[in-house]
Amino acid sequence: MNVLEVAIYALVMTSTTMPFTCEQGNQDGVVCSNGISAAEDGEGHLRYSNGLTVLKDRQGGIAFSNGVTTHFDAAGWVKFSSGISVRRETLEKYRFSNGMVCRLMEPTRAWCVPGK
C-alpha cells in the first residue's frame, strides 16, 4: 500500500471534485483531509474508515466490498462500475473523468486537486 493508492481509491469512492490530501500516518495507515483513512490488513486489502474494503487479487485485479468493479476501455481508462474512470499519466500522476488529478507530491503525501 502506498499513499497515492489510498488517495486514488478514496477519490473513486467519493467521486468528489473538492481538493484533498492524503498523508502516511505515524502508524501503518494513511489519513486523508476529506475524513477518510485507510490501512492495509493482513491479506493485502485496503480497509477504509467508511467501512469499504478494496480487495486485490493475485492477478492485479481490484474490486470494492460494495460491489464496484473495474474494466479497461479501448482508450486505456480504468472504468469503475460506479461511473468514474481513471488513467495513469505518469508513475506519480493519475487523471479522473470528473476533472480531478491525483499525484504523489512526496513519498508520504499525495494531493488530489482539480487539474488540467
PDB file of N, CA and C in Angstrom:
ATOM      1  N   MET A   1       0.839  -1.175   0.000  1.00  0.00           N
ATOM      2  CA  MET A   1       0.000   0.000   0.000  1.00  0.00           C
ATOM      3  C   MET A   1       0.885   1.240   0.000  1.00  0.00           C
ATOM      4  N   ASN A   2       0.489   2.202  -0.813  1.00  0.00           N
ATOM      5  CA  ASN A   2       1.172   3.481  -0.737  1.00  0.00           C
ATOM      6  C   ASN A   2       0.140   4.600  -0.662  1.00  0.00           C
ATOM      7  N   VAL A   3       0.583   5.780  -0.312  1.00  0.00           N
ATOM      8  CA  VAL A   3      -0.304   6.904  -0.071  1.00  0.00           C
ATOM      9  C   VAL A   3      -1.070   7.304  -1.341  1.00  0.00           C
ATOM     10  N   LEU A   4      -0.471   7.207  -2.510  1.00  0.00           N
ATOM     11  CA  LEU A   4      -1.161   7.549  -3.751  1.00  0.00           C
ATOM     12  C   LEU A   4      -2.286   6.562  -4.042  1.00  0.00           C
ATOM     13  N   GLU A   5      -2.040   5.299  -3.806  1.00  0.00           N
ATOM     14  CA  GLU A   5      -3.063   4.271  -4.000  1.00  0.00           C
ATOM     15  C   GLU A   5      -4.276   4.548  -3.104  1.00  0.00           C
ATOM     16  N   VAL A   6      -4.036   4.893  -1.859  1.00  0.00           N
ATOM     17  CA  VAL A   6      -5.126   5.217  -0.936  1.00  0.00           C
ATOM     18  C   VAL A   6      -5.908   6.418  -1.448  1.00  0.00           C
ATOM     19  N   ALA A   7      -5.211   7.447  -1.919  1.00  0.00           N
ATOM     20  CA  ALA A   7      -5.874   8.650  -2.427  1.00  0.00           C
ATOM     21  C   ALA A   7      -6.725   8.339  -3.659  1.00  0.00           C
ATOM     22  N   ILE A   8      -6.209   7.535  -4.564  1.00  0.00           N
ATOM     23  CA  ILE A   8      -6.942   7.187  -5.784  1.00  0.00           C
ATOM     24  C   ILE A   8      -8.248   6.484  -5.437  1.00  0.00           C
ATOM     25  N   TYR A   9      -8.182   5.486  -4.589  1.00  0.00           N
ATOM     26  CA  TYR A   9      -9.396   4.753  -4.229  1.00  0.00           C
ATOM     27  C   TYR A   9     -10.347   5.619  -3.410  1.00  0.00           C
ATOM     28  N   ALA A  10      -9.822   6.519  -2.588  1.00  0.00           N
ATOM     29  CA  ALA A  10     -10.682   7.438  -1.832  1.00  0.00           C
ATOM     30  C   ALA A  10     -11.446   8.337  -2.790  1.00  0.00           C
ATOM     31  N   LEU A  11     -10.801   8.775  -3.862  1.00  0.00           N
ATOM     32  CA  LEU A  11     -11.485   9.604  -4.837  1.00  0.00           C
ATOM     33  C   LEU A  11     -12.533   8.794  -5.601  1.00  0.00           C
ATOM     34  N   VAL A  12     -12.205   7.569  -5.950  1.00  0.00           N
ATOM     35  CA  VAL A  12     -13.181   6.706  -6.635  1.00  0.00           C
ATOM     36  C   VAL A  12     -14.408   6.502  -5.755  1.00  0.00           C
ATOM     37  N   MET A  13     -14.207   6.293  -4.461  1.00  0.00           N
ATOM     38  CA  MET A  13     -15.334   6.057  -3.546  1.00  0.00           C
ATOM     39  C   MET A  13     -16.251   7.266  -3.429  1.00  0.00           C
ATOM     40  N   THR A  14     -15.673   8.443  -3.428  1.00  0.00           N
ATOM     41  CA  THR A  14     -16.446   9.651  -3.163  1.00  0.00           C
ATOM     42  C   THR A  14     -16.840  10.410  -4.423  1.00  0.00           C
ATOM     43  N   SER A  15     -16.103  10.225  -5.524  1.00  0.00           N
ATOM     44  CA  SER A  15     -16.304  10.975  -6.772  1.00  0.00           C
ATOM     45  C   SER A  15     -16.256  12.484  -6.539  1.00  0.00           C
ATOM     46  N   THR A  16     -15.563  12.901  -5.510  1.00  0.00           N
ATOM     47  CA  THR A  16     -15.510  14.311  -5.147  1.00  0.00           C
ATOM     48  C   THR A  16     -14.760  15.142  -6.190  1.00  0.00           C
ATOM     49  N   THR A  17     -15.083  16.409  -6.249  1.00  0.00           N
ATOM     50  CA  THR A  17     -14.313  17.358  -7.050  1.00  0.00           C
ATOM     51  C   THR A  17     -13.689  18.412  -6.144  1.00  0.00           C
ATOM     52  N   MET A  18     -13.706  18.139  -4.839  1.00  0.00           N
ATOM     53  CA  MET A  18     -13.080  19.023  -3.855  1.00  0.00           C
ATOM     54  C   MET A  18     -11.653  18.537  -3.595  1.00  0.00           C
ATOM     55  N   PRO A  19     -10.687  19.452  -3.538  1.00  0.00           N
ATOM     56  CA  PRO A  19      -9.297  19.050  -3.285  1.00  0.00           C
ATOM     57  C   PRO A  19      -9.136  18.397  -1.914  1.00  0.00           C
ATOM     58  N   PHE A  20      -8.215  17.444  -1.841  1.00  0.00           N
ATOM     59  CA  PHE A  20      -7.852  16.831  -0.563  1.00  0.00           C
ATOM     60  C   PHE A  20      -6.442  16.279  -0.655  1.00  0.00           C
ATOM     61  N   THR A  21      -5.847  16.037   0.494  1.00  0.00           N
ATOM     62  CA  THR A  21      -4.520  15.431   0.578  1.00  0.00           C
ATOM     63  C   THR A  21      -4.621  14.156   1.402  1.00  0.00           C
ATOM     64  N   CYS A  22      -3.690  13.262   1.187  1.00  0.00           N
ATOM     65  CA  CYS A  22      -3.572  12.054   1.997  1.00  0.00           C
ATOM     66  C   CYS A  22      -2.120  11.955   2.452  1.00  0.00           C
ATOM     67  N   GLU A  23      -1.936  11.621   3.723  1.00  0.00           N
ATOM     68  CA  GLU A  23      -0.590  11.514   4.283  1.00  0.00           C
ATOM     69  C   GLU A  23      -0.434  10.225   5.062  1.00  0.00           C
ATOM     70  N   GLN A  24       0.764   9.666   4.949  1.00  0.00           N
ATOM     71  CA  GLN A  24       1.101   8.493   5.745  1.00  0.00           C
ATOM     72  C   GLN A  24       1.096   8.912   7.196  1.00  0.00           C
ATOM     73  N   GLY A  25       0.335   8.182   8.022  1.00  0.00           N
ATOM     74  CA  GLY A  25       0.263   8.492   9.442  1.00  0.00           C
ATOM     75  C   GLY A  25       1.446   7.908  10.189  1.00  0.00           C
ATOM     76  N   ASN A  26       1.474   8.146  11.488  1.00  0.00           N
ATOM     77  CA  ASN A  26       2.544   7.614  12.325  1.00  0.00           C
ATOM     78  C   ASN A  26       2.496   6.098  12.419  1.00  0.00           C
ATOM     79  N   GLN A  27       1.299   5.524  12.287  1.00  0.00           N
ATOM     80  CA  GLN A  27       1.136   4.073  12.310  1.00  0.00           C
ATOM     81  C   GLN A  27       1.237   3.561  10.875  1.00  0.00           C
ATOM     82  N   ASP A  28       0.630   2.425  10.598  1.00  0.00           N
ATOM     83  CA  ASP A  28       0.680   1.835   9.268  1.00  0.00           C
ATOM     84  C   ASP A  28      -0.356   2.409   8.316  1.00  0.00           C
ATOM     85  N   GLY A  29      -1.202   3.329   8.764  1.00  0.00           N
ATOM     86  CA  GLY A  29      -2.300   3.827   7.956  1.00  0.00           C
ATOM     87  C   GLY A  29      -2.015   5.138   7.258  1.00  0.00           C
ATOM     88  N   VAL A  30      -2.980   5.516   6.415  1.00  0.00           N
ATOM     89  CA  VAL A  30      -2.946   6.772   5.675  1.00  0.00           C
ATOM     90  C   VAL A  30      -4.190   7.558   6.062  1.00  0.00           C
ATOM     91  N   VAL A  31      -4.022   8.855   6.321  1.00  0.00           N
ATOM     92  CA  VAL A  31      -5.118   9.727   6.714  1.00  0.00           C
ATOM     93  C   VAL A  31      -5.287  10.798   5.645  1.00  0.00           C
ATOM     94  N   CYS A  32      -6.542  10.993   5.192  1.00  0.00           N
ATOM     95  CA  CYS A  32      -6.831  11.989   4.161  1.00  0.00           C
ATOM     96  C   CYS A  32      -7.604  13.162   4.766  1.00  0.00           C
ATOM     97  N   SER A  33      -7.407  14.334   4.200  1.00  0.00           N
ATOM     98  CA  SER A  33      -8.044  15.541   4.725  1.00  0.00           C
ATOM     99  C   SER A  33      -9.545  15.570   4.464  1.00  0.00           C
ATOM    100  N   ASN A  34     -10.066  14.663   3.636  1.00  0.00           N
ATOM    101  CA  ASN A  34     -11.509  14.592   3.393  1.00  0.00           C
ATOM    102  C   ASN A  34     -12.209  13.690   4.412  1.00  0.00           C
ATOM    103  N   GLY A  35     -11.487  13.285   5.464  1.00  0.00           N
ATOM    104  CA  GLY A  35     -12.066  12.493   6.531  1.00  0.00           C
ATOM    105  C   GLY A  35     -11.933  10.998   6.373  1.00  0.00           C
ATOM    106  N   ILE A  36     -11.391  10.542   5.259  1.00  0.00           N
ATOM    107  CA  ILE A  36     -11.224   9.108   5.016  1.00  0.00           C
ATOM    108  C   ILE A  36      -9.815   8.689   5.414  1.00  0.00           C
ATOM    109  N   SER A  37      -9.709   7.533   6.039  1.00  0.00           N
ATOM    110  CA  SER A  37      -8.399   6.958   6.326  1.00  0.00           C
ATOM    111  C   SER A  37      -8.429   5.501   5.902  1.00  0.00           C
ATOM    112  N   ALA A  38      -7.253   4.903   5.760  1.00  0.00           N
ATOM    113  CA  ALA A  38      -7.173   3.509   5.322  1.00  0.00           C
ATOM    114  C   ALA A  38      -5.927   2.857   5.882  1.00  0.00           C
ATOM    115  N   ALA A  39      -6.017   1.550   6.025  1.00  0.00           N
ATOM    116  CA  ALA A  39      -4.875   0.743   6.460  1.00  0.00           C
ATOM    117  C   ALA A  39      -4.947  -0.595   5.744  1.00  0.00           C
ATOM    118  N   GLU A  40      -3.799  -1.189   5.536  1.00  0.00           N
ATOM    119  CA  GLU A  40      -3.739  -2.498   4.902  1.00  0.00           C
ATOM    120  C   GLU A  40      -3.968  -3.578   5.953  1.00  0.00           C
ATOM    121  N   ASP A  41      -4.783  -4.571   5.590  1.00  0.00           N
ATOM    122  CA  ASP A  41      -4.997  -5.682   6.509  1.00  0.00           C
ATOM    123  C   ASP A  41      -3.960  -6.770   6.242  1.00  0.00           C
ATOM    124  N   GLY A  42      -4.031  -7.856   6.948  1.00  0.00           N
ATOM    125  CA  GLY A  42      -3.065  -8.934   6.814  1.00  0.00           C
ATOM    126  C   GLY A  42      -3.110  -9.665   5.481  1.00  0.00           C
ATOM    127  N   GLU A  43      -4.166  -9.456   4.705  1.00  0.00           N
ATOM    128  CA  GLU A  43      -4.309 -10.116   3.410  1.00  0.00           C
ATOM    129  C   GLU A  43      -3.930  -9.212   2.242  1.00  0.00           C
ATOM    130  N   GLY A  44      -3.455  -8.011   2.530  1.00  0.00           N
ATOM    131  CA  GLY A  44      -3.059  -7.083   1.480  1.00  0.00           C
ATOM    132  C   GLY A  44      -4.194  -6.242   0.927  1.00  0.00           C
ATOM    133  N   HIS A  45      -5.375  -6.286   1.553  1.00  0.00           N
ATOM    134  CA  HIS A  45      -6.506  -5.468   1.149  1.00  0.00           C
ATOM    135  C   HIS A  45      -6.463  -4.141   1.907  1.00  0.00           C
ATOM    136  N   LEU A  46      -7.048  -3.107   1.313  1.00  0.00           N
ATOM    137  CA  LEU A  46      -7.127  -1.808   1.973  1.00  0.00           C
ATOM    138  C   LEU A  46      -8.476  -1.673   2.654  1.00  0.00           C
ATOM    139  N   ARG A  47      -8.460  -1.431   3.939  1.00  0.00           N
ATOM    140  CA  ARG A  47      -9.693  -1.238   4.710  1.00  0.00           C
ATOM    141  C   ARG A  47      -9.822   0.247   5.039  1.00  0.00           C
ATOM    142  N   TYR A  48     -10.926   0.833   4.563  1.00  0.00           N
ATOM    143  CA  TYR A  48     -11.167   2.264   4.728  1.00  0.00           C
ATOM    144  C   TYR A  48     -12.056   2.539   5.928  1.00  0.00           C
ATOM    145  N   SER A  49     -11.921   3.728   6.485  1.00  0.00           N
ATOM    146  CA  SER A  49     -12.678   4.118   7.678  1.00  0.00           C
ATOM    147  C   SER A  49     -14.176   4.217   7.418  1.00  0.00           C
ATOM    148  N   ASN A  50     -14.591   4.311   6.163  1.00  0.00           N
ATOM    149  CA  ASN A  50     -16.017   4.381   5.849  1.00  0.00           C
ATOM    150  C   ASN A  50     -16.644   2.991   5.719  1.00  0.00           C
ATOM    151  N   GLY A  51     -15.869   1.948   6.038  1.00  0.00           N
ATOM    152  CA  GLY A  51     -16.377   0.586   6.019  1.00  0.00           C
ATOM    153  C   GLY A  51     -16.105  -0.189   4.743  1.00  0.00           C
ATOM    154  N   LEU A  52     -15.658   0.482   3.700  1.00  0.00           N
ATOM    155  CA  LEU A  52     -15.372  -0.214   2.444  1.00  0.00           C
ATOM    156  C   LEU A  52     -13.979  -0.824   2.460  1.00  0.00           C
ATOM    157  N   THR A  53     -13.846  -1.899   1.728  1.00  0.00           N
ATOM    158  CA  THR A  53     -12.555  -2.560   1.565  1.00  0.00           C
ATOM    159  C   THR A  53     -12.261  -2.680   0.081  1.00  0.00           C
ATOM    160  N   VAL A  54     -11.033  -2.372  -0.305  1.00  0.00           N
ATOM    161  CA  VAL A  54     -10.583  -2.591  -1.676  1.00  0.00           C
ATOM    162  C   VAL A  54      -9.880  -3.939  -1.681  1.00  0.00           C
ATOM    163  N   LEU A  55     -10.449  -4.860  -2.432  1.00  0.00           N
ATOM    164  CA  LEU A  55      -9.951  -6.228  -2.496  1.00  0.00           C
ATOM    165  C   LEU A  55      -9.047  -6.369  -3.707  1.00  0.00           C
ATOM    166  N   LYS A  56      -7.844  -6.863  -3.504  1.00  0.00           N
ATOM    167  CA  LYS A  56      -6.896  -7.049  -4.598  1.00  0.00           C
ATOM    168  C   LYS A  56      -6.610  -8.532  -4.759  1.00  0.00           C
ATOM    169  N   ASP A  57      -6.629  -8.996  -6.027  1.00  0.00           N
ATOM    170  CA  ASP A  57      -6.325 -10.408  -6.253  1.00  0.00           C
ATOM    171  C   ASP A  57      -4.896 -10.559  -6.766  1.00  0.00           C
ATOM    172  N   ARG A  58      -4.452 -11.774  -6.913  1.00  0.00           N
ATOM    173  CA  ARG A  58      -3.057 -12.053  -7.311  1.00  0.00           C
ATOM    174  C   ARG A  58      -2.748 -11.600  -8.735  1.00  0.00           C
ATOM    175  N   GLN A  59      -3.771 -11.457  -9.567  1.00  0.00           N
ATOM    176  CA  GLN A  59      -3.567 -11.038 -10.956  1.00  0.00           C
ATOM    177  C   GLN A  59      -3.578  -9.518 -11.095  1.00  0.00           C
ATOM    178  N   GLY A  60      -3.701  -8.798 -10.006  1.00  0.00           N
ATOM    179  CA  GLY A  60      -3.690  -7.339 -10.045  1.00  0.00           C
ATOM    180  C   GLY A  60      -5.066  -6.720 -10.183  1.00  0.00           C
ATOM    181  N   GLY A  61      -6.117  -7.525 -10.214  1.00  0.00           N
ATOM    182  CA  GLY A  61      -7.473  -7.003 -10.299  1.00  0.00           C
ATOM    183  C   GLY A  61      -7.924  -6.447  -8.965  1.00  0.00           C
ATOM    184  N   ILE A  62      -8.870  -5.516  -9.030  1.00  0.00           N
ATOM    185  CA  ILE A  62      -9.408  -4.946  -7.805  1.00  0.00           C
ATOM    186  C   ILE A  62     -10.929  -4.948  -7.852  1.00  0.00           C
ATOM    187  N   ALA A  63     -11.523  -4.974  -6.686  1.00  0.00           N
ATOM    188  CA  ALA A  63     -12.962  -4.834  -6.528  1.00  0.00           C
ATOM    189  C   ALA A  63     -13.204  -4.196  -5.168  1.00  0.00           C
ATOM    190  N   PHE A  64     -14.315  -3.505  -5.060  1.00  0.00           N
ATOM    191  CA  PHE A  64     -14.693  -2.891  -3.802  1.00  0.00           C
ATOM    192  C   PHE A  64     -15.695  -3.794  -3.092  1.00  0.00           C
ATOM    193  N   SER A  65     -15.671  -3.783  -1.769  1.00  0.00           N
ATOM    194  CA  SER A  65     -16.571  -4.630  -0.998  1.00  0.00           C
ATOM    195  C   SER A  65     -18.040  -4.264  -1.195  1.00  0.00           C
ATOM    196  N   ASN A  66     -18.307  -3.073  -1.733  1.00  0.00           N
ATOM    197  CA  ASN A  66     -19.691  -2.671  -2.000  1.00  0.00           C
ATOM    198  C   ASN A  66     -20.153  -3.101  -3.397  1.00  0.00           C
ATOM    199  N   GLY A  67     -19.330  -3.892  -4.109  1.00  0.00           N
ATOM    200  CA  GLY A  67     -19.722  -4.412  -5.413  1.00  0.00           C
ATOM    201  C   GLY A  67     -19.184  -3.650  -6.605  1.00  0.00           C
ATOM    202  N   VAL A  68     -18.547  -2.504  -6.405  1.00  0.00           N
ATOM    203  CA  VAL A  68     -17.975  -1.753  -7.517  1.00  0.00           C
ATOM    204  C   VAL A  68     -16.836  -2.565  -8.129  1.00  0.00           C
ATOM    205  N   THR A  69     -16.855  -2.699  -9.441  1.00  0.00           N
ATOM    206  CA  THR A  69     -15.840  -3.455 -10.169  1.00  0.00           C
ATOM    207  C   THR A  69     -15.183  -2.553 -11.212  1.00  0.00           C
ATOM    208  N   THR A  70     -14.152  -3.069 -11.886  1.00  0.00           N
ATOM    209  CA  THR A  70     -13.422  -2.284 -12.878  1.00  0.00           C
ATOM    210  C   THR A  70     -13.257  -3.060 -14.177  1.00  0.00           C
ATOM    211  N   HIS A  71     -13.011  -2.294 -15.253  1.00  0.00           N
ATOM    212  CA  HIS A  71     -12.576  -2.873 -16.517  1.00  0.00           C
ATOM    213  C   HIS A  71     -11.855  -1.778 -17.310  1.00  0.00           C
ATOM    214  N   PHE A  72     -10.982  -2.188 -18.230  1.00  0.00           N
ATOM    215  CA  PHE A  72     -10.294  -1.239 -19.100  1.00  0.00           C
ATOM    216  C   PHE A  72     -11.152  -0.970 -20.317  1.00  0.00           C
ATOM    217  N   ASP A  73     -11.210   0.308 -20.754  1.00  0.00           N
ATOM    218  CA  ASP A  73     -11.889   0.596 -22.006  1.00  0.00           C
ATOM    219  C   ASP A  73     -10.855   0.686 -23.128  1.00  0.00           C
ATOM    220  N   ALA A  74     -11.304   0.884 -24.346  1.00  0.00           N
ATOM    221  CA  ALA A  74     -10.419   0.882 -25.511  1.00  0.00           C
ATOM    222  C   ALA A  74      -9.435   2.042 -25.502  1.00  0.00           C
ATOM    223  N   ALA A  75      -9.742   3.109 -24.780  1.00  0.00           N
ATOM    224  CA  ALA A  75      -8.862   4.280 -24.731  1.00  0.00           C
ATOM    225  C   ALA A  75      -7.846   4.201 -23.597  1.00  0.00           C
ATOM    226  N   GLY A  76      -7.845   3.107 -22.834  1.00  0.00           N
ATOM    227  CA  GLY A  76      -6.864   2.943 -21.768  1.00  0.00           C
ATOM    228  C   GLY A  76      -7.291   3.464 -20.409  1.00  0.00           C
ATOM    229  N   TRP A  77      -8.545   3.862 -20.266  1.00  0.00           N
ATOM    230  CA  TRP A  77      -9.055   4.290 -18.973  1.00  0.00           C
ATOM    231  C   TRP A  77      -9.503   3.068 -18.187  1.00  0.00           C
ATOM    232  N   VAL A  78      -9.314   3.089 -16.877  1.00  0.00           N
ATOM    233  CA  VAL A  78      -9.901   2.084 -15.992  1.00  0.00           C
ATOM    234  C   VAL A  78     -11.269   2.638 -15.616  1.00  0.00           C
ATOM    235  N   LYS A  79     -12.301   1.937 -16.006  1.00  0.00           N
ATOM    236  CA  LYS A  79     -13.671   2.377 -15.736  1.00  0.00           C
ATOM    237  C   LYS A  79     -14.215   1.608 -14.533  1.00  0.00           C
ATOM    238  N   PHE A  80     -14.737   2.351 -13.576  1.00  0.00           N
ATOM    239  CA  PHE A  80     -15.351   1.756 -12.403  1.00  0.00           C
ATOM    240  C   PHE A  80     -16.858   1.688 -12.639  1.00  0.00           C
ATOM    241  N   SER A  81     -17.489   0.642 -12.155  1.00  0.00           N
ATOM    242  CA  SER A  81     -18.926   0.486 -12.361  1.00  0.00           C
ATOM    243  C   SER A  81     -19.726   1.572 -11.642  1.00  0.00           C
ATOM    244  N   SER A  82     -19.089   2.339 -10.795  1.00  0.00           N
ATOM    245  CA  SER A  82     -19.731   3.470 -10.118  1.00  0.00           C
ATOM    246  C   SER A  82     -19.853   4.681 -11.028  1.00  0.00           C
ATOM    247  N   GLY A  83     -19.206   4.632 -12.206  1.00  0.00           N
ATOM    248  CA  GLY A  83     -19.322   5.719 -13.169  1.00  0.00           C
ATOM    249  C   GLY A  83     -18.089   6.579 -13.342  1.00  0.00           C
ATOM    250  N   ILE A  84     -17.123   6.482 -12.485  1.00  0.00           N
ATOM    251  CA  ILE A  84     -15.905   7.287 -12.621  1.00  0.00           C
ATOM    252  C   ILE A  84     -14.832   6.459 -13.319  1.00  0.00           C
ATOM    253  N   SER A  85     -13.952   7.141 -14.055  1.00  0.00           N
ATOM    254  CA  SER A  85     -12.846   6.487 -14.756  1.00  0.00           C
ATOM    255  C   SER A  85     -11.545   7.170 -14.377  1.00  0.00           C
ATOM    256  N   VAL A  86     -10.439   6.436 -14.514  1.00  0.00           N
ATOM    257  CA  VAL A  86      -9.127   6.966 -14.178  1.00  0.00           C
ATOM    258  C   VAL A  86      -8.098   6.403 -15.155  1.00  0.00           C
ATOM    259  N   ARG A  87      -7.083   7.205 -15.440  1.00  0.00           N
ATOM    260  CA  ARG A  87      -5.961   6.705 -16.239  1.00  0.00           C
ATOM    261  C   ARG A  87      -4.666   7.266 -15.668  1.00  0.00           C
ATOM    262  N   ARG A  88      -3.613   6.464 -15.804  1.00  0.00           N
ATOM    263  CA  ARG A  88      -2.297   6.889 -15.329  1.00  0.00           C
ATOM    264  C   ARG A  88      -1.649   7.725 -16.414  1.00  0.00           C
ATOM    265  N   GLU A  89      -1.132   8.905 -16.032  1.00  0.00           N
ATOM    266  CA  GLU A  89      -0.403   9.760 -16.962  1.00  0.00           C
ATOM    267  C   GLU A  89       1.100   9.620 -16.776  1.00  0.00           C
ATOM    268  N   THR A  90       1.527   9.441 -15.539  1.00  0.00           N
ATOM    269  CA  THR A  90       2.928   9.159 -15.225  1.00  0.00           C
ATOM    270  C   THR A  90       2.909   8.192 -14.048  1.00  0.00           C
ATOM    271  N   LEU A  91       4.074   7.774 -13.601  1.00  0.00           N
ATOM    272  CA  LEU A  91       4.130   6.883 -12.435  1.00  0.00           C
ATOM    273  C   LEU A  91       3.547   7.531 -11.190  1.00  0.00           C
ATOM    274  N   GLU A  92       3.535   8.852 -11.159  1.00  0.00           N
ATOM    275  CA  GLU A  92       3.105   9.559  -9.959  1.00  0.00           C
ATOM    276  C   GLU A  92       1.915  10.481 -10.192  1.00  0.00           C
ATOM    277  N   LYS A  93       1.172  10.296 -11.313  1.00  0.00           N
ATOM    278  CA  LYS A  93       0.053  11.194 -11.621  1.00  0.00           C
ATOM    279  C   LYS A  93      -1.069  10.425 -12.318  1.00  0.00           C
ATOM    280  N   TYR A  94      -2.298  10.582 -11.789  1.00  0.00           N
ATOM    281  CA  TYR A  94      -3.478   9.921 -12.328  1.00  0.00           C
ATOM    282  C   TYR A  94      -4.562  10.948 -12.612  1.00  0.00           C
ATOM    283  N   ARG A  95      -5.225  10.841 -13.746  1.00  0.00           N
ATOM    284  CA  ARG A  95      -6.306  11.751 -14.142  1.00  0.00           C
ATOM    285  C   ARG A  95      -7.641  11.019 -14.071  1.00  0.00           C
ATOM    286  N   PHE A  96      -8.668  11.730 -13.582  1.00  0.00           N
ATOM    287  CA  PHE A  96     -10.001  11.169 -13.410  1.00  0.00           C
ATOM    288  C   PHE A  96     -10.985  11.809 -14.376  1.00  0.00           C
ATOM    289  N   SER A  97     -12.029  11.072 -14.705  1.00  0.00           N
ATOM    290  CA  SER A  97     -13.040  11.553 -15.639  1.00  0.00           C
ATOM    291  C   SER A  97     -13.834  12.735 -15.088  1.00  0.00           C
ATOM    292  N   ASN A  98     -13.798  12.976 -13.797  1.00  0.00           N
ATOM    293  CA  ASN A  98     -14.505  14.116 -13.211  1.00  0.00           C
ATOM    294  C   ASN A  98     -13.628  15.370 -13.142  1.00  0.00           C
ATOM    295  N   GLY A  99     -12.450  15.340 -13.777  1.00  0.00           N
ATOM    296  CA  GLY A  99     -11.569  16.501 -13.829  1.00  0.00           C
ATOM    297  C   GLY A  99     -10.516  16.554 -12.742  1.00  0.00           C
ATOM    298  N   MET A 100     -10.547  15.628 -11.810  1.00  0.00           N
ATOM    299  CA  MET A 100      -9.561  15.624 -10.735  1.00  0.00           C
ATOM    300  C   MET A 100      -8.263  14.962 -11.188  1.00  0.00           C
ATOM    301  N   VAL A 101      -7.173  15.369 -10.567  1.00  0.00           N
ATOM    302  CA  VAL A 101      -5.855  14.775 -10.785  1.00  0.00           C
ATOM    303  C   VAL A 101      -5.271  14.447  -9.426  1.00  0.00           C
ATOM    304  N   CYS A 102      -4.796  13.218  -9.256  1.00  0.00           N
ATOM    305  CA  CYS A 102      -4.100  12.823  -8.030  1.00  0.00           C
ATOM    306  C   CYS A 102      -2.643  12.587  -8.372  1.00  0.00           C
ATOM    307  N   ARG A 103      -1.768  13.100  -7.529  1.00  0.00           N
ATOM    308  CA  ARG A 103      -0.337  12.904  -7.759  1.00  0.00           C
ATOM    309  C   ARG A 103       0.413  12.764  -6.451  1.00  0.00           C
ATOM    310  N   LEU A 104       1.495  12.049  -6.534  1.00  0.00           N
ATOM    311  CA  LEU A 104       2.391  11.886  -5.395  1.00  0.00           C
ATOM    312  C   LEU A 104       3.260  13.130  -5.317  1.00  0.00           C
ATOM    313  N   MET A 105       3.200  13.830  -4.192  1.00  0.00           N
ATOM    314  CA  MET A 105       3.981  15.053  -4.027  1.00  0.00           C
ATOM    315  C   MET A 105       5.272  14.785  -3.257  1.00  0.00           C
ATOM    316  N   GLU A 106       5.206  13.854  -2.334  1.00  0.00           N
ATOM    317  CA  GLU A 106       6.342  13.408  -1.538  1.00  0.00           C
ATOM    318  C   GLU A 106       6.110  11.921  -1.298  1.00  0.00           C
ATOM    319  N   PRO A 107       7.096  11.173  -0.890  1.00  0.00           N
ATOM    320  CA  PRO A 107       6.862   9.745  -0.647  1.00  0.00           C
ATOM    321  C   PRO A 107       5.747   9.451   0.355  1.00  0.00           C
ATOM    322  N   THR A 108       5.437  10.416   1.224  1.00  0.00           N
ATOM    323  CA  THR A 108       4.412  10.191   2.246  1.00  0.00           C
ATOM    324  C   THR A 108       3.180  11.065   2.066  1.00  0.00           C
ATOM    325  N   ARG A 109       3.042  11.767   0.925  1.00  0.00           N
ATOM    326  CA  ARG A 109       1.913  12.677   0.727  1.00  0.00           C
ATOM    327  C   ARG A 109       1.452  12.657  -0.730  1.00  0.00           C
ATOM    328  N   ALA A 110       0.123  12.558  -0.905  1.00  0.00           N
ATOM    329  CA  ALA A 110      -0.498  12.662  -2.226  1.00  0.00           C
ATOM    330  C   ALA A 110      -1.539  13.770  -2.184  1.00  0.00           C
ATOM    331  N   TRP A 111      -1.703  14.454  -3.323  1.00  0.00           N
ATOM    332  CA  TRP A 111      -2.704  15.508  -3.445  1.00  0.00           C
ATOM    333  C   TRP A 111      -3.652  15.138  -4.562  1.00  0.00           C
ATOM    334  N   CYS A 112      -4.924  15.394  -4.354  1.00  0.00           N
ATOM    335  CA  CYS A 112      -5.942  15.260  -5.389  1.00  0.00           C
ATOM    336  C   CYS A 112      -6.613  16.611  -5.544  1.00  0.00           C
ATOM    337  N   VAL A 113      -6.501  17.191  -6.731  1.00  0.00           N
ATOM    338  CA  VAL A 113      -6.994  18.540  -6.997  1.00  0.00           C
ATOM    339  C   VAL A 113      -7.610  18.594  -8.389  1.00  0.00           C
ATOM    340  N   PRO A 114      -8.490  19.578  -8.617  1.00  0.00           N
ATOM    341  CA  PRO A 114      -8.942  19.781  -9.994  1.00  0.00           C
ATOM    342  C   PRO A 114      -7.725  20.119 -10.847  1.00  0.00           C
ATOM    343  N   GLY A 115      -7.623  19.554 -12.013  1.00  0.00           N
ATOM    344  CA  GLY A 115      -6.421  19.776 -12.815  1.00  0.00           C
ATOM    345  C   GLY A 115      -6.679  19.786 -14.287  1.00  0.00           C
ATOM    346  N   LYS A 116      -5.645  20.206 -15.008  1.00  0.00           N
ATOM    347  CA  LYS A 116      -5.687  20.218 -16.465  1.00  0.00           C
ATOM    348  C   LYS A 116      -4.843  19.105 -17.001  1.00  0.00           C
TER     349      LYS A 116
END
